[in-house]
PDB file of N, CA and C in Angstrom:
ATOM      1  N   MET A   1      82.716 109.140 112.837  1.00  0.00           N
ATOM      2  CA  MET A   1      82.315 108.302 111.729  1.00  0.00           C
ATOM      3  C   MET A   1      83.571 107.706 111.093  1.00  0.00           C
ATOM      4  N   ALA A   2      83.540 106.419 110.827  1.00  0.00           N
ATOM      5  CA  ALA A   2      84.693 105.746 110.224  1.00  0.00           C
ATOM      6  C   ALA A   2      84.872 106.198 108.785  1.00  0.00           C
ATOM      7  N   PHE A   3      86.112 106.207 108.338  1.00  0.00           N
ATOM      8  CA  PHE A   3      86.436 106.650 106.978  1.00  0.00           C
ATOM      9  C   PHE A   3      85.653 105.850 105.945  1.00  0.00           C
ATOM     10  N   GLU A   4      85.561 104.522 106.168  1.00  0.00           N
ATOM     11  CA  GLU A   4      84.882 103.662 105.208  1.00  0.00           C
ATOM     12  C   GLU A   4      83.396 103.995 105.111  1.00  0.00           C
ATOM     13  N   GLU A   5      82.798 104.527 106.205  1.00  0.00           N
ATOM     14  CA  GLU A   5      81.384 104.866 106.184  1.00  0.00           C
ATOM     15  C   GLU A   5      81.118 106.106 105.332  1.00  0.00           C
ATOM     16  N   VAL A   6      82.121 106.933 105.158  1.00  0.00           N
ATOM     17  CA  VAL A   6      81.949 108.177 104.412  1.00  0.00           C
ATOM     18  C   VAL A   6      81.929 107.919 102.910  1.00  0.00           C
ATOM     19  N   PHE A   7      82.664 106.924 102.456  1.00  0.00           N
ATOM     20  CA  PHE A   7      82.815 106.683 101.019  1.00  0.00           C
ATOM     21  C   PHE A   7      82.404 105.275 100.634  1.00  0.00           C
ATOM     22  N   SER A   8      81.785 105.145  99.480  1.00  0.00           N
ATOM     23  CA  SER A   8      81.501 103.826  98.940  1.00  0.00           C
ATOM     24  C   SER A   8      82.773 103.297  98.282  1.00  0.00           C
ATOM     25  N   LYS A   9      82.802 102.015  98.006  1.00  0.00           N
ATOM     26  CA  LYS A   9      83.998 101.393  97.431  1.00  0.00           C
ATOM     27  C   LYS A   9      84.397 102.016  96.096  1.00  0.00           C
ATOM     28  N   ASP A  10      83.432 102.394  95.289  1.00  0.00           N
ATOM     29  CA  ASP A  10      83.728 102.877  93.946  1.00  0.00           C
ATOM     30  C   ASP A  10      83.848 104.390  93.859  1.00  0.00           C
ATOM     31  N   HIS A  11      83.805 105.070  94.987  1.00  0.00           N
ATOM     32  CA  HIS A  11      83.846 106.534  94.988  1.00  0.00           C
ATOM     33  C   HIS A  11      85.248 107.004  94.615  1.00  0.00           C
ATOM     34  N   GLU A  12      85.355 107.718  93.512  1.00  0.00           N
ATOM     35  CA  GLU A  12      86.657 108.242  93.093  1.00  0.00           C
ATOM     36  C   GLU A  12      86.968 109.511  93.868  1.00  0.00           C
ATOM     37  N   ILE A  13      88.177 109.605  94.365  1.00  0.00           N
ATOM     38  CA  ILE A  13      88.560 110.825  95.058  1.00  0.00           C
ATOM     39  C   ILE A  13      88.937 111.889  94.045  1.00  0.00           C
ATOM     40  N   VAL A  14      88.707 113.118  94.397  1.00  0.00           N
ATOM     41  CA  VAL A  14      89.117 114.244  93.571  1.00  0.00           C
ATOM     42  C   VAL A  14      90.076 115.056  94.414  1.00  0.00           C
ATOM     43  N   VAL A  15      91.281 115.208  93.935  1.00  0.00           N
ATOM     44  CA  VAL A  15      92.304 115.892  94.704  1.00  0.00           C
ATOM     45  C   VAL A  15      92.700 117.149  93.957  1.00  0.00           C
ATOM     46  N   GLU A  16      92.572 118.293  94.617  1.00  0.00           N
ATOM     47  CA  GLU A  16      92.871 119.562  93.951  1.00  0.00           C
ATOM     48  C   GLU A  16      94.350 119.639  93.562  1.00  0.00           C
ATOM     49  N   ASN A  17      95.222 119.200  94.446  1.00  0.00           N
ATOM     50  CA  ASN A  17      96.663 119.230  94.196  1.00  0.00           C
ATOM     51  C   ASN A  17      97.155 117.791  94.271  1.00  0.00           C
ATOM     52  N   SER A  18      96.801 116.986  93.271  1.00  0.00           N
ATOM     53  CA  SER A  18      97.004 115.545  93.354  1.00  0.00           C
ATOM     54  C   SER A  18      98.461 115.142  93.514  1.00  0.00           C
ATOM     55  N   ILE A  19      99.389 115.839  92.873  1.00  0.00           N
ATOM     56  CA  ILE A  19     100.791 115.429  92.961  1.00  0.00           C
ATOM     57  C   ILE A  19     101.292 115.534  94.399  1.00  0.00           C
ATOM     58  N   ARG A  20     101.017 116.659  95.055  1.00  0.00           N
ATOM     59  CA  ARG A  20     101.509 116.832  96.422  1.00  0.00           C
ATOM     60  C   ARG A  20     100.858 115.830  97.372  1.00  0.00           C
ATOM     61  N   VAL A  21      99.559 115.663  97.294  1.00  0.00           N
ATOM     62  CA  VAL A  21      98.880 114.729  98.183  1.00  0.00           C
ATOM     63  C   VAL A  21      99.380 113.315  97.950  1.00  0.00           C
ATOM     64  N   HIS A  22      99.490 112.931  96.684  1.00  0.00           N
ATOM     65  CA  HIS A  22      99.947 111.577  96.425  1.00  0.00           C
ATOM     66  C   HIS A  22     101.412 111.391  96.795  1.00  0.00           C
ATOM     67  N   GLU A  23     102.229 112.419  96.657  1.00  0.00           N
ATOM     68  CA  GLU A  23     103.617 112.290  97.106  1.00  0.00           C
ATOM     69  C   GLU A  23     103.650 112.038  98.603  1.00  0.00           C
ATOM     70  N   ASP A  24     102.818 112.740  99.372  1.00  0.00           N
ATOM     71  CA  ASP A  24     102.763 112.519 100.815  1.00  0.00           C
ATOM     72  C   ASP A  24     102.302 111.100 101.129  1.00  0.00           C
ATOM     73  N   PHE A  25     101.250 110.659 100.455  1.00  0.00           N
ATOM     74  CA  PHE A  25     100.720 109.313 100.673  1.00  0.00           C
ATOM     75  C   PHE A  25     101.764 108.266 100.317  1.00  0.00           C
ATOM     76  N   TRP A  26     102.351 108.402  99.109  1.00  0.00           N
ATOM     77  CA  TRP A  26     103.312 107.403  98.657  1.00  0.00           C
ATOM     78  C   TRP A  26     104.601 107.445  99.457  1.00  0.00           C
ATOM     79  N   GLU A  27     104.984 108.599  99.940  1.00  0.00           N
ATOM     80  CA  GLU A  27     106.187 108.683 100.762  1.00  0.00           C
ATOM     81  C   GLU A  27     106.029 107.806 102.000  1.00  0.00           C
ATOM     82  N   GLN A  28     104.879 107.890 102.644  1.00  0.00           N
ATOM     83  CA  GLN A  28     104.641 107.082 103.840  1.00  0.00           C
ATOM     84  C   GLN A  28     104.495 105.602 103.502  1.00  0.00           C
ATOM     85  N   VAL A  29     103.756 105.302 102.436  1.00  0.00           N
ATOM     86  CA  VAL A  29     103.576 103.910 102.038  1.00  0.00           C
ATOM     87  C   VAL A  29     104.906 103.315 101.587  1.00  0.00           C
ATOM     88  N   ASP A  30     105.670 104.072 100.787  1.00  0.00           N
ATOM     89  CA  ASP A  30     106.967 103.581 100.309  1.00  0.00           C
ATOM     90  C   ASP A  30     107.938 103.336 101.453  1.00  0.00           C
ATOM     91  N   GLN A  31     107.931 104.204 102.438  1.00  0.00           N
ATOM     92  CA  GLN A  31     108.815 104.014 103.585  1.00  0.00           C
ATOM     93  C   GLN A  31     108.469 102.711 104.305  1.00  0.00           C
ATOM     94  N   ALA A  32     107.181 102.475 104.542  1.00  0.00           N
ATOM     95  CA  ALA A  32     106.758 101.239 105.202  1.00  0.00           C
ATOM     96  C   ALA A  32     107.081 100.022 104.340  1.00  0.00           C
ATOM     97  N   ARG A  33     106.869 100.144 103.024  1.00  0.00           N
ATOM     98  CA  ARG A  33     107.148  99.036 102.101  1.00  0.00           C
ATOM     99  C   ARG A  33     108.630  98.706 102.093  1.00  0.00           C
ATOM    100  N   THR A  34     109.477  99.742 102.042  1.00  0.00           N
ATOM    101  CA  THR A  34     110.928  99.555 102.027  1.00  0.00           C
ATOM    102  C   THR A  34     111.405  98.911 103.319  1.00  0.00           C
ATOM    103  N   GLU A  35     110.860  99.369 104.441  1.00  0.00           N
ATOM    104  CA  GLU A  35     111.239  98.797 105.737  1.00  0.00           C
ATOM    105  C   GLU A  35     110.926  97.308 105.799  1.00  0.00           C
ATOM    106  N   GLN A  36     109.888  96.880 105.078  1.00  0.00           N
ATOM    107  CA  GLN A  36     109.506  95.468 105.062  1.00  0.00           C
ATOM    108  C   GLN A  36     110.204  94.689 103.955  1.00  0.00           C
ATOM    109  N   GLY A  37     110.973  95.381 103.108  1.00  0.00           N
ATOM    110  CA  GLY A  37     111.655  94.715 102.002  1.00  0.00           C
ATOM    111  C   GLY A  37     110.688  94.195 100.948  1.00  0.00           C
ATOM    112  N   MET A  38     109.584  94.899 100.739  1.00  0.00           N
ATOM    113  CA  MET A  38     108.539  94.467  99.823  1.00  0.00           C
ATOM    114  C   MET A  38     108.630  95.255  98.515  1.00  0.00           C
ATOM    115  N   SER A  39     108.519  94.552  97.387  1.00  0.00           N
ATOM    116  CA  SER A  39     108.517  95.239  96.089  1.00  0.00           C
ATOM    117  C   SER A  39     107.147  95.870  95.849  1.00  0.00           C
ATOM    118  N   VAL A  40     107.085  96.796  94.901  1.00  0.00           N
ATOM    119  CA  VAL A  40     105.808  97.426  94.556  1.00  0.00           C
ATOM    120  C   VAL A  40     104.845  96.374  94.014  1.00  0.00           C
ATOM    121  N   SER A  41     105.350  95.457  93.187  1.00  0.00           N
ATOM    122  CA  SER A  41     104.492  94.404  92.639  1.00  0.00           C
ATOM    123  C   SER A  41     103.929  93.525  93.743  1.00  0.00           C
ATOM    124  N   LYS A  42     104.772  93.164  94.701  1.00  0.00           N
ATOM    125  CA  LYS A  42     104.319  92.340  95.823  1.00  0.00           C
ATOM    126  C   LYS A  42     103.284  93.096  96.648  1.00  0.00           C
ATOM    127  N   MET A  43     103.512  94.395  96.857  1.00  0.00           N
ATOM    128  CA  MET A  43     102.552  95.205  97.594  1.00  0.00           C
ATOM    129  C   MET A  43     101.206  95.190  96.870  1.00  0.00           C
ATOM    130  N   GLY A  44     101.239  95.299  95.542  1.00  0.00           N
ATOM    131  CA  GLY A  44     100.010  95.237  94.755  1.00  0.00           C
ATOM    132  C   GLY A  44      99.303  93.904  94.897  1.00  0.00           C
ATOM    133  N   GLU A  45     100.079  92.810  94.910  1.00  0.00           N
ATOM    134  CA  GLU A  45      99.492  91.486  95.092  1.00  0.00           C
ATOM    135  C   GLU A  45      98.844  91.372  96.463  1.00  0.00           C
ATOM    136  N   VAL A  46      99.547  91.816  97.501  1.00  0.00           N
ATOM    137  CA  VAL A  46      99.021  91.758  98.865  1.00  0.00           C
ATOM    138  C   VAL A  46      97.759  92.612  98.980  1.00  0.00           C
ATOM    139  N   ALA A  47      97.733  93.725  98.252  1.00  0.00           N
ATOM    140  CA  ALA A  47      96.567  94.615  98.265  1.00  0.00           C
ATOM    141  C   ALA A  47      95.426  94.058  97.413  1.00  0.00           C
ATOM    142  N   ASP A  48      95.623  92.865  96.833  1.00  0.00           N
ATOM    143  CA  ASP A  48      94.617  92.220  96.001  1.00  0.00           C
ATOM    144  C   ASP A  48      94.230  93.098  94.817  1.00  0.00           C
ATOM    145  N   ALA A  49      95.236  93.677  94.199  1.00  0.00           N
ATOM    146  CA  ALA A  49      95.014  94.547  93.044  1.00  0.00           C
ATOM    147  C   ALA A  49      95.257  93.758  91.761  1.00  0.00           C
ATOM    148  N   GLY A  50      94.437  94.017  90.765  1.00  0.00           N
ATOM    149  CA  GLY A  50      94.622  93.389  89.467  1.00  0.00           C
ATOM    150  C   GLY A  50      95.755  94.065  88.712  1.00  0.00           C
ATOM    151  N   PRO A  51      96.148  93.513  87.550  1.00  0.00           N
ATOM    152  CA  PRO A  51      97.262  94.083  86.779  1.00  0.00           C
ATOM    153  C   PRO A  51      97.093  95.564  86.455  1.00  0.00           C
ATOM    154  N   ALA A  52      95.884  95.986  86.108  1.00  0.00           N
ATOM    155  CA  ALA A  52      95.667  97.403  85.784  1.00  0.00           C
ATOM    156  C   ALA A  52      95.852  98.276  87.019  1.00  0.00           C
ATOM    157  N   GLN A  53      95.366  97.798  88.165  1.00  0.00           N
ATOM    158  CA  GLN A  53      95.528  98.569  89.397  1.00  0.00           C
ATOM    159  C   GLN A  53      96.987  98.614  89.826  1.00  0.00           C
ATOM    160  N   ILE A  54      97.709  97.504  89.670  1.00  0.00           N
ATOM    161  CA  ILE A  54      99.130  97.497  90.028  1.00  0.00           C
ATOM    162  C   ILE A  54      99.869  98.517  89.178  1.00  0.00           C
ATOM    163  N   SER A  55      99.510  98.604  87.894  1.00  0.00           N
ATOM    164  CA  SER A  55     100.124  99.599  87.019  1.00  0.00           C
ATOM    165  C   SER A  55      99.839 101.009  87.527  1.00  0.00           C
ATOM    166  N   ARG A  56      98.610 101.264  87.972  1.00  0.00           N
ATOM    167  CA  ARG A  56      98.261 102.582  88.514  1.00  0.00           C
ATOM    168  C   ARG A  56      98.981 102.825  89.839  1.00  0.00           C
ATOM    169  N   ILE A  57      99.131 101.781  90.652  1.00  0.00           N
ATOM    170  CA  ILE A  57      99.818 101.914  91.939  1.00  0.00           C
ATOM    171  C   ILE A  57     101.278 102.284  91.715  1.00  0.00           C
ATOM    172  N   LYS A  58     101.878 101.740  90.650  1.00  0.00           N
ATOM    173  CA  LYS A  58     103.282 102.039  90.360  1.00  0.00           C
ATOM    174  C   LYS A  58     103.481 103.480  89.916  1.00  0.00           C
ATOM    175  N   ASN A  59     102.408 104.146  89.476  1.00  0.00           N
ATOM    176  CA  ASN A  59     102.485 105.543  89.064  1.00  0.00           C
ATOM    177  C   ASN A  59     101.858 106.396  90.162  1.00  0.00           C
ATOM    178  N   PRO A  60     102.678 106.978  91.040  1.00  0.00           N
ATOM    179  CA  PRO A  60     102.142 107.692  92.198  1.00  0.00           C
ATOM    180  C   PRO A  60     101.367 108.957  91.867  1.00  0.00           C
ATOM    181  N   LYS A  61     101.316 109.347  90.605  1.00  0.00           N
ATOM    182  CA  LYS A  61     100.578 110.564  90.262  1.00  0.00           C
ATOM    183  C   LYS A  61      99.135 110.277  89.854  1.00  0.00           C
ATOM    184  N   THR A  62      98.738 108.997  89.842  1.00  0.00           N
ATOM    185  CA  THR A  62      97.363 108.681  89.474  1.00  0.00           C
ATOM    186  C   THR A  62      96.451 108.832  90.679  1.00  0.00           C
ATOM    187  N   ASN A  63      95.199 109.169  90.419  1.00  0.00           N
ATOM    188  CA  ASN A  63      94.188 109.172  91.474  1.00  0.00           C
ATOM    189  C   ASN A  63      93.660 107.757  91.606  1.00  0.00           C
ATOM    190  N   LEU A  64      93.558 107.291  92.827  1.00  0.00           N
ATOM    191  CA  LEU A  64      93.046 105.955  93.093  1.00  0.00           C
ATOM    192  C   LEU A  64      91.760 106.078  93.892  1.00  0.00           C
ATOM    193  N   THR A  65      90.932 105.035  93.848  1.00  0.00           N
ATOM    194  CA  THR A  65      89.747 105.054  94.700  1.00  0.00           C
ATOM    195  C   THR A  65      90.195 104.945  96.150  1.00  0.00           C
ATOM    196  N   VAL A  66      89.349 105.400  97.045  1.00  0.00           N
ATOM    197  CA  VAL A  66      89.645 105.307  98.473  1.00  0.00           C
ATOM    198  C   VAL A  66      89.824 103.847  98.865  1.00  0.00           C
ATOM    199  N   ASN A  67      89.036 102.955  98.265  1.00  0.00           N
ATOM    200  CA  ASN A  67      89.144 101.534  98.559  1.00  0.00           C
ATOM    201  C   ASN A  67      90.535 101.011  98.198  1.00  0.00           C
ATOM    202  N   THR A  68      91.032 101.363  97.021  1.00  0.00           N
ATOM    203  CA  THR A  68      92.365 100.916  96.609  1.00  0.00           C
ATOM    204  C   THR A  68      93.434 101.507  97.515  1.00  0.00           C
ATOM    205  N   MET A  69      93.299 102.799  97.847  1.00  0.00           N
ATOM    206  CA  MET A  69      94.272 103.415  98.751  1.00  0.00           C
ATOM    207  C   MET A  69      94.270 102.713 100.105  1.00  0.00           C
ATOM    208  N   SER A  70      93.088 102.326 100.589  1.00  0.00           N
ATOM    209  CA  SER A  70      92.986 101.616 101.869  1.00  0.00           C
ATOM    210  C   SER A  70      93.707 100.280 101.804  1.00  0.00           C
ATOM    211  N   ARG A  71      93.495  99.542 100.689  1.00  0.00           N
ATOM    212  CA  ARG A  71      94.136  98.225 100.556  1.00  0.00           C
ATOM    213  C   ARG A  71      95.648  98.348 100.430  1.00  0.00           C
ATOM    214  N   VAL A  72      96.111  99.367  99.706  1.00  0.00           N
ATOM    215  CA  VAL A  72      97.558  99.581  99.561  1.00  0.00           C
ATOM    216  C   VAL A  72      98.169  99.904 100.918  1.00  0.00           C
ATOM    217  N   ALA A  73      97.541 100.792 101.661  1.00  0.00           N
ATOM    218  CA  ALA A  73      98.049 101.142 102.990  1.00  0.00           C
ATOM    219  C   ALA A  73      98.053  99.913 103.893  1.00  0.00           C
ATOM    220  N   ALA A  74      96.986  99.113 103.844  1.00  0.00           N
ATOM    221  CA  ALA A  74      96.898  97.909 104.674  1.00  0.00           C
ATOM    222  C   ALA A  74      97.966  96.887 104.297  1.00  0.00           C
ATOM    223  N   ALA A  75      98.325  96.828 103.018  1.00  0.00           N
ATOM    224  CA  ALA A  75      99.334  95.871 102.560  1.00  0.00           C
ATOM    225  C   ALA A  75     100.679  96.096 103.229  1.00  0.00           C
ATOM    226  N   VAL A  76     100.933  97.323 103.647  1.00  0.00           N
ATOM    227  CA  VAL A  76     102.203  97.624 104.319  1.00  0.00           C
ATOM    228  C   VAL A  76     101.982  97.910 105.806  1.00  0.00           C
ATOM    229  N   GLY A  77     100.830  97.462 106.319  1.00  0.00           N
ATOM    230  CA  GLY A  77     100.572  97.564 107.751  1.00  0.00           C
ATOM    231  C   GLY A  77     100.146  98.933 108.241  1.00  0.00           C
ATOM    232  N   LYS A  78      99.621  99.769 107.348  1.00  0.00           N
ATOM    233  CA  LYS A  78      99.163 101.111 107.743  1.00  0.00           C
ATOM    234  C   LYS A  78      97.652 101.197 107.595  1.00  0.00           C
ATOM    235  N   LYS A  79      97.047 102.105 108.340  1.00  0.00           N
ATOM    236  CA  LYS A  79      95.626 102.394 108.174  1.00  0.00           C
ATOM    237  C   LYS A  79      95.508 103.685 107.390  1.00  0.00           C
ATOM    238  N   ILE A  80      94.595 103.721 106.445  1.00  0.00           N
ATOM    239  CA  ILE A  80      94.465 104.909 105.600  1.00  0.00           C
ATOM    240  C   ILE A  80      94.156 106.146 106.425  1.00  0.00           C
ATOM    241  N   GLU A  81      93.395 105.993 107.510  1.00  0.00           N
ATOM    242  CA  GLU A  81      93.075 107.141 108.345  1.00  0.00           C
ATOM    243  C   GLU A  81      94.349 107.761 108.897  1.00  0.00           C
ATOM    244  N   VAL A  82      95.282 106.924 109.316  1.00  0.00           N
ATOM    245  CA  VAL A  82      96.543 107.409 109.883  1.00  0.00           C
ATOM    246  C   VAL A  82      97.376 108.085 108.810  1.00  0.00           C
ATOM    247  N   VAL A  83      97.447 107.487 107.626  1.00  0.00           N
ATOM    248  CA  VAL A  83      98.227 108.059 106.529  1.00  0.00           C
ATOM    249  C   VAL A  83      97.680 109.430 106.152  1.00  0.00           C
ATOM    250  N   LEU A  84      96.364 109.554 106.018  1.00  0.00           N
ATOM    251  CA  LEU A  84      95.776 110.828 105.615  1.00  0.00           C
ATOM    252  C   LEU A  84      95.891 111.882 106.700  1.00  0.00           C
ATOM    253  N   VAL A  85      95.717 111.487 107.956  1.00  0.00           N
ATOM    254  CA  VAL A  85      95.824 112.456 109.049  1.00  0.00           C
ATOM    255  C   VAL A  85      97.252 112.954 109.177  1.00  0.00           C
ATOM    256  N   ASP A  86      98.237 112.110 108.849  1.00  0.00           N
ATOM    257  CA  ASP A  86      99.639 112.509 108.925  1.00  0.00           C
ATOM    258  C   ASP A  86     100.020 113.493 107.830  1.00  0.00           C
ATOM    259  N   MET A  87      99.197 113.635 106.795  1.00  0.00           N
ATOM    260  CA  MET A  87      99.500 114.571 105.725  1.00  0.00           C
ATOM    261  C   MET A  87      99.330 115.997 106.226  1.00  0.00           C
ATOM    262  N   ASP A  88      99.916 116.904 105.524  1.00  0.00           N
ATOM    263  CA  ASP A  88      99.810 118.323 105.849  1.00  0.00           C
ATOM    264  C   ASP A  88      98.358 118.759 105.693  1.00  0.00           C
ATOM    265  N   GLU A  89      97.773 119.282 106.760  1.00  0.00           N
ATOM    266  CA  GLU A  89      96.365 119.660 106.719  1.00  0.00           C
ATOM    267  C   GLU A  89      96.105 120.848 105.803  1.00  0.00           C
ATOM    268  N   ASP A  90      97.137 121.508 105.313  1.00  0.00           N
ATOM    269  CA  ASP A  90      96.951 122.596 104.363  1.00  0.00           C
ATOM    270  C   ASP A  90      96.692 122.077 102.952  1.00  0.00           C
ATOM    271  N   ASP A  91      96.992 120.782 102.724  1.00  0.00           N
ATOM    272  CA  ASP A  91      96.700 120.198 101.417  1.00  0.00           C
ATOM    273  C   ASP A  91      95.189 120.180 101.223  1.00  0.00           C
ATOM    274  N   GLU A  92      94.736 120.502 100.032  1.00  0.00           N
ATOM    275  CA  GLU A  92      93.309 120.454  99.759  1.00  0.00           C
ATOM    276  C   GLU A  92      92.982 119.059  99.259  1.00  0.00           C
ATOM    277  N   PHE A  93      92.250 118.320 100.052  1.00  0.00           N
ATOM    278  CA  PHE A  93      91.920 116.935  99.752  1.00  0.00           C
ATOM    279  C   PHE A  93      90.414 116.815  99.864  1.00  0.00           C
ATOM    280  N   GLN A  94      89.728 116.673  98.732  1.00  0.00           N
ATOM    281  CA  GLN A  94      88.276 116.730  98.730  1.00  0.00           C
ATOM    282  C   GLN A  94      87.679 115.515  98.044  1.00  0.00           C
ATOM    283  N   ASP A  95      86.439 115.201  98.453  1.00  0.00           N
ATOM    284  CA  ASP A  95      85.715 114.160  97.740  1.00  0.00           C
ATOM    285  C   ASP A  95      85.077 114.769  96.493  1.00  0.00           C
ATOM    286  N   GLY A  96      84.375 113.971  95.715  1.00  0.00           N
ATOM    287  CA  GLY A  96      83.786 114.441  94.471  1.00  0.00           C
ATOM    288  C   GLY A  96      82.728 115.517  94.638  1.00  0.00           C
ATOM    289  N   CYS A  97      82.240 115.710  95.858  1.00  0.00           N
ATOM    290  CA  CYS A  97      81.224 116.739  96.129  1.00  0.00           C
ATOM    291  C   CYS A  97      81.854 118.027  96.647  1.00  0.00           C
ATOM    292  N   GLY A  98      83.168 118.086  96.736  1.00  0.00           N
ATOM    293  CA  GLY A  98      83.849 119.278  97.229  1.00  0.00           C
ATOM    294  C   GLY A  98      83.949 119.348  98.737  1.00  0.00           C
ATOM    295  N   ASN A  99      83.606 118.244  99.432  1.00  0.00           N
ATOM    296  CA  ASN A  99      83.706 118.226 100.889  1.00  0.00           C
ATOM    297  C   ASN A  99      85.143 117.997 101.319  1.00  0.00           C
ATOM    298  N   ASP A 100      85.580 118.718 102.318  1.00  0.00           N
ATOM    299  CA  ASP A 100      86.936 118.576 102.834  1.00  0.00           C
ATOM    300  C   ASP A 100      87.039 117.269 103.606  1.00  0.00           C
ATOM    301  N   LEU A 101      87.924 116.375 103.170  1.00  0.00           N
ATOM    302  CA  LEU A 101      88.044 115.077 103.819  1.00  0.00           C
ATOM    303  C   LEU A 101      88.626 115.178 105.215  1.00  0.00           C
ATOM    304  N   PHE A 102      89.483 116.154 105.462  1.00  0.00           N
ATOM    305  CA  PHE A 102      90.072 116.254 106.792  1.00  0.00           C
ATOM    306  C   PHE A 102      89.001 116.517 107.835  1.00  0.00           C
ATOM    307  N   GLY A 103      87.956 117.234 107.475  1.00  0.00           N
ATOM    308  CA  GLY A 103      86.874 117.500 108.410  1.00  0.00           C
ATOM    309  C   GLY A 103      86.004 116.288 108.663  1.00  0.00           C
ATOM    310  N   MET A 104      86.123 115.270 107.804  1.00  0.00           N
ATOM    311  CA  MET A 104      85.286 114.078 107.938  1.00  0.00           C
ATOM    312  C   MET A 104      85.970 112.964 108.706  1.00  0.00           C
ATOM    313  N   LEU A 105      87.264 113.044 108.910  1.00  0.00           N
ATOM    314  CA  LEU A 105      87.974 111.960 109.592  1.00  0.00           C
ATOM    315  C   LEU A 105      87.750 112.008 111.075  1.00  0.00           C
TER     316      LEU A 105
END
């Protein structure tokens, strides 16, 4: 099942250890962004994010919707499925119902 089929656009993710998971996500996104010479603001524009979302994107400790995370990853040429699978599988990453996302990918 595709990642997008599991979640609706407005589904907020719930992350038990949000700082660690987001550091892993942002580390990969930032590396790709840096390699392309793209600023965070430009990445937000490419991801079609509004000013409020760009502000949240600049703060890597915020929880973002899966849709926003997908667009941010796509802005730097990554697929969210690849970014999440590359994370440490010991991280607890769950949807709002307590389902383990790693088991759904």
